[in-house]
Amino acid sequence: MKLKICGMKFLENILEISQLEPDLLGFIFYENSSRNFEGKIPELPEKIKKAGVFVNATFEEITSKLDIHKLDYIQLHGNESPEFCLKLQNKIPIIKAFSIDENFDFKILKNYSESCTYFLFDTKGKNHGGNGMAFDWNILENYKLEKKYFLSGGISLENVSDLKEFLKKDYAKNCLGIDINSKFEIAPGLKNTEKIIAFKSKL
């Protein structure tokens, strides 16, 4: 199970968290986010992949950040079309995020199955991610595609036992990784190392 830590912002904290050897670190390039990343990503161990997170950004804005920061993945959290995702996927692996609640229509995912590398399922809330709430993961029983996905949204130390139970389900077989963010923060973008260590030991 891969671990992705999203919403990294502060240099010293990035270096500290990188010592925990997560599989991916996420950097948000979205001005309306309290975790908007404006610095220069420090050199990280090669096995830690860098994901740039964007919300309805232009192709030019995304490819500019891709070149500057040598990103390994692009994560799209807005209303990007399958055609837009496919255009980017010709350059870099794409993680397409979808906001999930009990009314989510899983049929729309078929339109994206060829135009992104992975899906990411997050909780539908007022913000484009980082809402700190978990959705009912059992809704994913309705997910019938074979594409691997990251599970996100309100994952915390408090619900890690529920998470482990979910991961035992047959319909969780395509869950590639866990994406954590706001429940492991001291402040927006500043991650709590001890909490993440505890999470990894329990998972």
C-alpha atoms as a PDB file:
ATOM      1  CA  MET A   1       0.000   0.000   0.000  1.00  0.00           C
ATOM      2  CA  LYS A   2       1.576   3.265  -1.135  1.00  0.00           C
ATOM      3  CA  LEU A   3       1.539   6.318   1.142  1.00  0.00           C
ATOM      4  CA  LYS A   4       1.063   9.766  -0.347  1.00  0.00           C
ATOM      5  CA  ILE A   5       1.391  12.811   1.920  1.00  0.00           C
ATOM      6  CA  CYS A   6      -0.223  15.812   0.294  1.00  0.00           C
ATOM      7  CA  GLY A   7      -0.177  19.555   0.933  1.00  0.00           C
ATOM      8  CA  MET A   8       3.511  19.963   1.733  1.00  0.00           C
ATOM      9  CA  LYS A   9       4.541  23.598   2.074  1.00  0.00           C
ATOM     10  CA  PHE A  10       7.517  24.351   4.348  1.00  0.00           C
ATOM     11  CA  LEU A  11      11.115  23.502   3.500  1.00  0.00           C
ATOM     12  CA  GLU A  12      12.294  22.080   6.839  1.00  0.00           C
ATOM     13  CA  ASN A  13       9.069  20.119   7.244  1.00  0.00           C
ATOM     14  CA  ILE A  14       9.411  18.675   3.724  1.00  0.00           C
ATOM     15  CA  LEU A  15      12.919  17.447   4.528  1.00  0.00           C
ATOM     16  CA  GLU A  16      11.791  16.052   7.880  1.00  0.00           C
ATOM     17  CA  ILE A  17       8.825  14.203   6.380  1.00  0.00           C
ATOM     18  CA  SER A  18      10.955  12.869   3.519  1.00  0.00           C
ATOM     19  CA  GLN A  19      12.990  10.948   6.117  1.00  0.00           C
ATOM     20  CA  LEU A  20       9.857   8.867   6.776  1.00  0.00           C
ATOM     21  CA  GLU A  21      10.155   7.614   3.182  1.00  0.00           C
ATOM     22  CA  PRO A  22       6.614   8.106   1.876  1.00  0.00           C
ATOM     23  CA  ASP A  23       6.071   6.952  -1.698  1.00  0.00           C
ATOM     24  CA  LEU A  24       4.781  10.330  -2.866  1.00  0.00           C
ATOM     25  CA  LEU A  25       4.749  13.912  -1.609  1.00  0.00           C
ATOM     26  CA  GLY A  26       2.075  16.246  -2.938  1.00  0.00           C
ATOM     27  CA  PHE A  27       2.641  19.950  -3.640  1.00  0.00           C
ATOM     28  CA  ILE A  28      -0.428  22.105  -4.245  1.00  0.00           C
ATOM     29  CA  PHE A  29      -0.193  24.783  -6.922  1.00  0.00           C
ATOM     30  CA  TYR A  30      -3.523  26.505  -6.349  1.00  0.00           C
ATOM     31  CA  GLU A  31      -3.603  30.081  -5.051  1.00  0.00           C
ATOM     32  CA  ASN A  32      -6.924  29.662  -3.230  1.00  0.00           C
ATOM     33  CA  SER A  33      -5.503  26.882  -1.068  1.00  0.00           C
ATOM     34  CA  SER A  34      -3.995  27.576   2.359  1.00  0.00           C
ATOM     35  CA  ARG A  35      -1.409  24.948   1.373  1.00  0.00           C
ATOM     36  CA  ASN A  36      -0.419  26.675  -1.876  1.00  0.00           C
ATOM     37  CA  PHE A  37       3.252  25.920  -2.554  1.00  0.00           C
ATOM     38  CA  GLU A  38       5.371  28.875  -3.656  1.00  0.00           C
ATOM     39  CA  GLY A  39       8.936  27.845  -2.908  1.00  0.00           C
ATOM     40  CA  LYS A  40      11.400  25.530  -4.567  1.00  0.00           C
ATOM     41  CA  ILE A  41      11.028  21.831  -3.850  1.00  0.00           C
ATOM     42  CA  PRO A  42      14.245  20.623  -2.195  1.00  0.00           C
ATOM     43  CA  GLU A  43      16.149  17.646  -3.513  1.00  0.00           C
ATOM     44  CA  LEU A  44      14.444  14.484  -2.307  1.00  0.00           C
ATOM     45  CA  PRO A  45      15.503  10.830  -2.250  1.00  0.00           C
ATOM     46  CA  GLU A  46      14.950   9.383  -5.723  1.00  0.00           C
ATOM     47  CA  LYS A  47      12.353   6.869  -4.531  1.00  0.00           C
ATOM     48  CA  ILE A  48      10.067   9.662  -3.248  1.00  0.00           C
ATOM     49  CA  LYS A  49       7.952  10.838  -6.167  1.00  0.00           C
ATOM     50  CA  LYS A  50       6.687  14.431  -6.447  1.00  0.00           C
ATOM     51  CA  ALA A  51       3.067  15.079  -7.366  1.00  0.00           C
ATOM     52  CA  GLY A  52       1.935  18.547  -8.411  1.00  0.00           C
ATOM     53  CA  VAL A  53      -1.711  19.246  -7.544  1.00  0.00           C
ATOM     54  CA  PHE A  54      -3.711  21.622  -9.761  1.00  0.00           C
ATOM     55  CA  VAL A  55      -7.308  22.873  -9.903  1.00  0.00           C
ATOM     56  CA  ASN A  56      -8.599  23.959 -13.319  1.00  0.00           C
ATOM     57  CA  ALA A  57      -5.171  25.282 -14.317  1.00  0.00           C
ATOM     58  CA  THR A  58      -4.204  25.839 -17.953  1.00  0.00           C
ATOM     59  CA  PHE A  59      -2.044  23.400 -19.861  1.00  0.00           C
ATOM     60  CA  GLU A  60       0.724  26.014 -19.954  1.00  0.00           C
ATOM     61  CA  GLU A  61       0.574  26.643 -16.186  1.00  0.00           C
ATOM     62  CA  ILE A  62       0.830  22.941 -15.454  1.00  0.00           C
ATOM     63  CA  THR A  63       3.660  22.196 -17.870  1.00  0.00           C
ATOM     64  CA  SER A  64       5.592  25.207 -16.545  1.00  0.00           C
ATOM     65  CA  LYS A  65       5.471  23.831 -12.974  1.00  0.00           C
ATOM     66  CA  LEU A  66       6.260  20.379 -14.308  1.00  0.00           C
ATOM     67  CA  ASP A  67       9.482  21.665 -15.857  1.00  0.00           C
ATOM     68  CA  ILE A  68      10.499  23.897 -12.934  1.00  0.00           C
ATOM     69  CA  HIS A  69      10.004  21.290 -10.224  1.00  0.00           C
ATOM     70  CA  LYS A  70      10.718  18.101 -12.231  1.00  0.00           C
ATOM     71  CA  LEU A  71       7.407  16.615 -11.112  1.00  0.00           C
ATOM     72  CA  ASP A  72       6.749  12.872 -11.404  1.00  0.00           C
ATOM     73  CA  TYR A  73       2.935  13.052 -11.366  1.00  0.00           C
ATOM     74  CA  ILE A  74       0.257  15.617 -12.079  1.00  0.00           C
ATOM     75  CA  GLN A  75      -2.861  15.450  -9.881  1.00  0.00           C
ATOM     76  CA  LEU A  76      -5.937  17.208 -11.237  1.00  0.00           C
ATOM     77  CA  HIS A  77      -8.579  18.263  -8.716  1.00  0.00           C
ATOM     78  CA  GLY A  78     -10.899  20.403 -10.832  1.00  0.00           C
ATOM     79  CA  ASN A  79     -13.323  19.953 -13.715  1.00  0.00           C
ATOM     80  CA  GLU A  80     -10.678  18.885 -16.211  1.00  0.00           C
ATOM     81  CA  SER A  81     -12.072  17.036 -19.235  1.00  0.00           C
ATOM     82  CA  PRO A  82     -10.914  13.592 -20.379  1.00  0.00           C
ATOM     83  CA  GLU A  83      -9.385  15.277 -23.444  1.00  0.00           C
ATOM     84  CA  PHE A  84      -7.380  17.673 -21.263  1.00  0.00           C
ATOM     85  CA  CYS A  85      -6.144  14.789 -19.093  1.00  0.00           C
ATOM     86  CA  LEU A  86      -5.130  12.796 -22.151  1.00  0.00           C
ATOM     87  CA  LYS A  87      -3.153  15.720 -23.554  1.00  0.00           C
ATOM     88  CA  LEU A  88      -1.195  15.930 -20.299  1.00  0.00           C
ATOM     89  CA  GLN A  89      -0.833  12.177 -19.994  1.00  0.00           C
ATOM     90  CA  ASN A  90       1.259  12.247 -23.145  1.00  0.00           C
ATOM     91  CA  LYS A  91       3.860  14.069 -20.996  1.00  0.00           C
ATOM     92  CA  ILE A  92       3.487  12.660 -17.482  1.00  0.00           C
ATOM     93  CA  PRO A  93       1.395  10.175 -15.437  1.00  0.00           C
ATOM     94  CA  ILE A  94      -1.927  11.698 -14.351  1.00  0.00           C
ATOM     95  CA  ILE A  95      -3.849  11.220 -11.100  1.00  0.00           C
ATOM     96  CA  LYS A  96      -7.430  12.450 -11.608  1.00  0.00           C
ATOM     97  CA  ALA A  97      -9.299  13.269  -8.398  1.00  0.00           C
ATOM     98  CA  PHE A  98     -13.038  12.884  -7.957  1.00  0.00           C
ATOM     99  CA  SER A  99     -15.151  14.167  -5.068  1.00  0.00           C
ATOM    100  CA  ILE A 100     -17.294  11.346  -3.700  1.00  0.00           C
ATOM    101  CA  ASP A 101     -20.575  11.353  -1.809  1.00  0.00           C
ATOM    102  CA  GLU A 102     -23.615   9.062  -1.811  1.00  0.00           C
ATOM    103  CA  ASN A 103     -24.877  10.690  -5.032  1.00  0.00           C
ATOM    104  CA  PHE A 104     -21.694  10.211  -7.064  1.00  0.00           C
ATOM    105  CA  ASP A 105     -22.274   8.724 -10.527  1.00  0.00           C
ATOM    106  CA  PHE A 106     -19.522   6.155 -11.053  1.00  0.00           C
ATOM    107  CA  LYS A 107     -20.412   5.905 -14.740  1.00  0.00           C
ATOM    108  CA  ILE A 108     -18.524   9.144 -15.472  1.00  0.00           C
ATOM    109  CA  LEU A 109     -15.262   7.428 -14.560  1.00  0.00           C
ATOM    110  CA  LYS A 110     -15.416   5.343 -17.722  1.00  0.00           C
ATOM    111  CA  ASN A 111     -14.864   8.526 -19.746  1.00  0.00           C
ATOM    112  CA  TYR A 112     -11.533   9.008 -17.941  1.00  0.00           C
ATOM    113  CA  SER A 113     -10.322   5.416 -17.948  1.00  0.00           C
ATOM    114  CA  GLU A 114      -8.015   5.931 -20.936  1.00  0.00           C
ATOM    115  CA  SER A 115      -6.912   9.472 -20.139  1.00  0.00           C
ATOM    116  CA  CYS A 116      -5.370   9.144 -16.695  1.00  0.00           C
ATOM    117  CA  THR A 117      -3.004   6.779 -14.933  1.00  0.00           C
ATOM    118  CA  TYR A 118      -4.771   6.566 -11.580  1.00  0.00           C
ATOM    119  CA  PHE A 119      -7.924   7.869  -9.934  1.00  0.00           C
ATOM    120  CA  LEU A 120      -8.047   9.520  -6.518  1.00  0.00           C
ATOM    121  CA  PHE A 121     -11.287   9.392  -4.520  1.00  0.00           C
ATOM    122  CA  ASP A 122     -11.727  12.268  -2.086  1.00  0.00           C
ATOM    123  CA  THR A 123     -14.606  13.529   0.052  1.00  0.00           C
ATOM    124  CA  LYS A 124     -16.987  15.972  -1.556  1.00  0.00           C
ATOM    125  CA  GLY A 125     -16.814  19.223   0.439  1.00  0.00           C
ATOM    126  CA  LYS A 126     -16.618  22.979   0.091  1.00  0.00           C
ATOM    127  CA  ASN A 127     -12.914  22.897  -0.850  1.00  0.00           C
ATOM    128  CA  HIS A 128     -11.052  21.059  -3.609  1.00  0.00           C
ATOM    129  CA  GLY A 129      -9.555  18.610  -1.111  1.00  0.00           C
ATOM    130  CA  GLY A 130      -8.247  19.104   2.421  1.00  0.00           C
ATOM    131  CA  ASN A 131     -11.749  19.166   3.918  1.00  0.00           C
ATOM    132  CA  GLY A 132     -10.770  16.867   6.776  1.00  0.00           C
ATOM    133  CA  MET A 133     -13.806  14.620   6.350  1.00  0.00           C
ATOM    134  CA  ALA A 134     -14.014  10.979   5.306  1.00  0.00           C
ATOM    135  CA  PHE A 135     -16.729   9.727   2.992  1.00  0.00           C
ATOM    136  CA  ASP A 136     -18.383   6.329   3.413  1.00  0.00           C
ATOM    137  CA  TRP A 137     -15.718   4.150   1.796  1.00  0.00           C
ATOM    138  CA  ASN A 138     -18.266   1.375   1.276  1.00  0.00           C
ATOM    139  CA  ILE A 139     -19.695   3.518  -1.541  1.00  0.00           C
ATOM    140  CA  LEU A 140     -16.725   2.217  -3.528  1.00  0.00           C
ATOM    141  CA  GLU A 141     -18.544  -1.100  -3.802  1.00  0.00           C
ATOM    142  CA  ASN A 142     -20.109   0.661  -6.821  1.00  0.00           C
ATOM    143  CA  TYR A 143     -16.687   1.110  -8.447  1.00  0.00           C
ATOM    144  CA  LYS A 144     -16.469  -1.528 -11.182  1.00  0.00           C
ATOM    145  CA  LEU A 145     -13.424  -0.471 -13.202  1.00  0.00           C
ATOM    146  CA  GLU A 146     -10.003  -2.077 -12.864  1.00  0.00           C
ATOM    147  CA  LYS A 147      -8.011   1.164 -12.743  1.00  0.00           C
ATOM    148  CA  LYS A 148      -5.994   1.561  -9.529  1.00  0.00           C
ATOM    149  CA  TYR A 149      -6.846   4.453  -7.215  1.00  0.00           C
ATOM    150  CA  PHE A 150      -5.691   6.405  -4.179  1.00  0.00           C
ATOM    151  CA  LEU A 151      -8.078   6.743  -1.234  1.00  0.00           C
ATOM    152  CA  SER A 152      -8.221  10.221   0.283  1.00  0.00           C
ATOM    153  CA  GLY A 153     -10.358  12.432   2.501  1.00  0.00           C
ATOM    154  CA  GLY A 154     -10.294  12.660   6.285  1.00  0.00           C
ATOM    155  CA  ILE A 155      -8.009   9.685   6.831  1.00  0.00           C
ATOM    156  CA  SER A 156      -6.616   9.920  10.363  1.00  0.00           C
ATOM    157  CA  LEU A 157      -5.207   8.017  13.318  1.00  0.00           C
ATOM    158  CA  GLU A 158      -8.743   7.856  14.697  1.00  0.00           C
ATOM    159  CA  ASN A 159     -10.173   5.919  11.750  1.00  0.00           C
ATOM    160  CA  VAL A 160      -7.170   3.762  10.840  1.00  0.00           C
ATOM    161  CA  SER A 161      -8.903   0.636  12.171  1.00  0.00           C
ATOM    162  CA  ASP A 162     -11.904   1.329   9.899  1.00  0.00           C
ATOM    163  CA  LEU A 163      -9.471   1.882   7.044  1.00  0.00           C
ATOM    164  CA  LYS A 164      -7.823  -1.496   7.631  1.00  0.00           C
ATOM    165  CA  GLU A 165     -11.239  -3.163   7.625  1.00  0.00           C
ATOM    166  CA  PHE A 166     -12.119  -1.432   4.344  1.00  0.00           C
ATOM    167  CA  LEU A 167      -8.878  -2.583   2.733  1.00  0.00           C
ATOM    168  CA  LYS A 168      -9.836  -6.208   3.446  1.00  0.00           C
ATOM    169  CA  LYS A 169     -12.961  -5.877   1.289  1.00  0.00           C
ATOM    170  CA  ASP A 170     -12.987  -7.438  -2.140  1.00  0.00           C
ATOM    171  CA  TYR A 171     -14.041  -4.117  -3.680  1.00  0.00           C
ATOM    172  CA  ALA A 172     -10.958  -2.429  -2.206  1.00  0.00           C
ATOM    173  CA  LYS A 173      -8.647  -4.625  -4.291  1.00  0.00           C
ATOM    174  CA  ASN A 174      -7.784  -1.760  -6.656  1.00  0.00           C
ATOM    175  CA  CYS A 175      -6.823   0.635  -3.876  1.00  0.00           C
ATOM    176  CA  LEU A 176      -3.209   1.390  -4.730  1.00  0.00           C
ATOM    177  CA  GLY A 177      -2.456   3.826  -1.938  1.00  0.00           C
ATOM    178  CA  ILE A 178      -3.579   6.102   0.878  1.00  0.00           C
ATOM    179  CA  ASP A 179      -3.450   9.888   0.615  1.00  0.00           C
ATOM    180  CA  ILE A 180      -3.203  11.811   3.901  1.00  0.00           C
ATOM    181  CA  ASN A 181      -3.258  15.536   4.503  1.00  0.00           C
ATOM    182  CA  SER A 182      -5.188  17.749   6.913  1.00  0.00           C
ATOM    183  CA  LYS A 183      -5.641  15.250   9.772  1.00  0.00           C
ATOM    184  CA  PHE A 184      -1.865  15.095  10.179  1.00  0.00           C
ATOM    185  CA  GLU A 185      -1.209  18.823  10.396  1.00  0.00           C
ATOM    186  CA  ILE A 186      -0.098  21.259  13.059  1.00  0.00           C
ATOM    187  CA  ALA A 187      -1.145  24.098  10.726  1.00  0.00           C
ATOM    188  CA  PRO A 188      -2.095  24.148   7.005  1.00  0.00           C
ATOM    189  CA  GLY A 189       0.839  22.648   5.115  1.00  0.00           C
ATOM    190  CA  LEU A 190       2.829  21.835   8.277  1.00  0.00           C
ATOM    191  CA  LYS A 191       2.780  18.085   8.929  1.00  0.00           C
ATOM    192  CA  ASN A 192       3.060  16.382  12.318  1.00  0.00           C
ATOM    193  CA  THR A 193       5.898  13.870  12.027  1.00  0.00           C
ATOM    194  CA  GLU A 194       4.975  11.893  15.157  1.00  0.00           C
ATOM    195  CA  LYS A 195       1.397  11.391  13.962  1.00  0.00           C
ATOM    196  CA  ILE A 196       2.561  10.128  10.582  1.00  0.00           C
ATOM    197  CA  ILE A 197       5.022   7.719  12.231  1.00  0.00           C
ATOM    198  CA  ALA A 198       2.171   6.404  14.419  1.00  0.00           C
ATOM    199  CA  PHE A 199      -0.096   6.058  11.357  1.00  0.00           C
ATOM    200  CA  LYS A 200       2.512   4.098   9.414  1.00  0.00           C
ATOM    201  CA  SER A 201       3.077   1.749  12.353  1.00  0.00           C
ATOM    202  CA  LYS A 202      -0.677   1.057  12.679  1.00  0.00           C
ATOM    203  CA  LEU A 203      -1.307   0.633   8.962  1.00  0.00           C
END
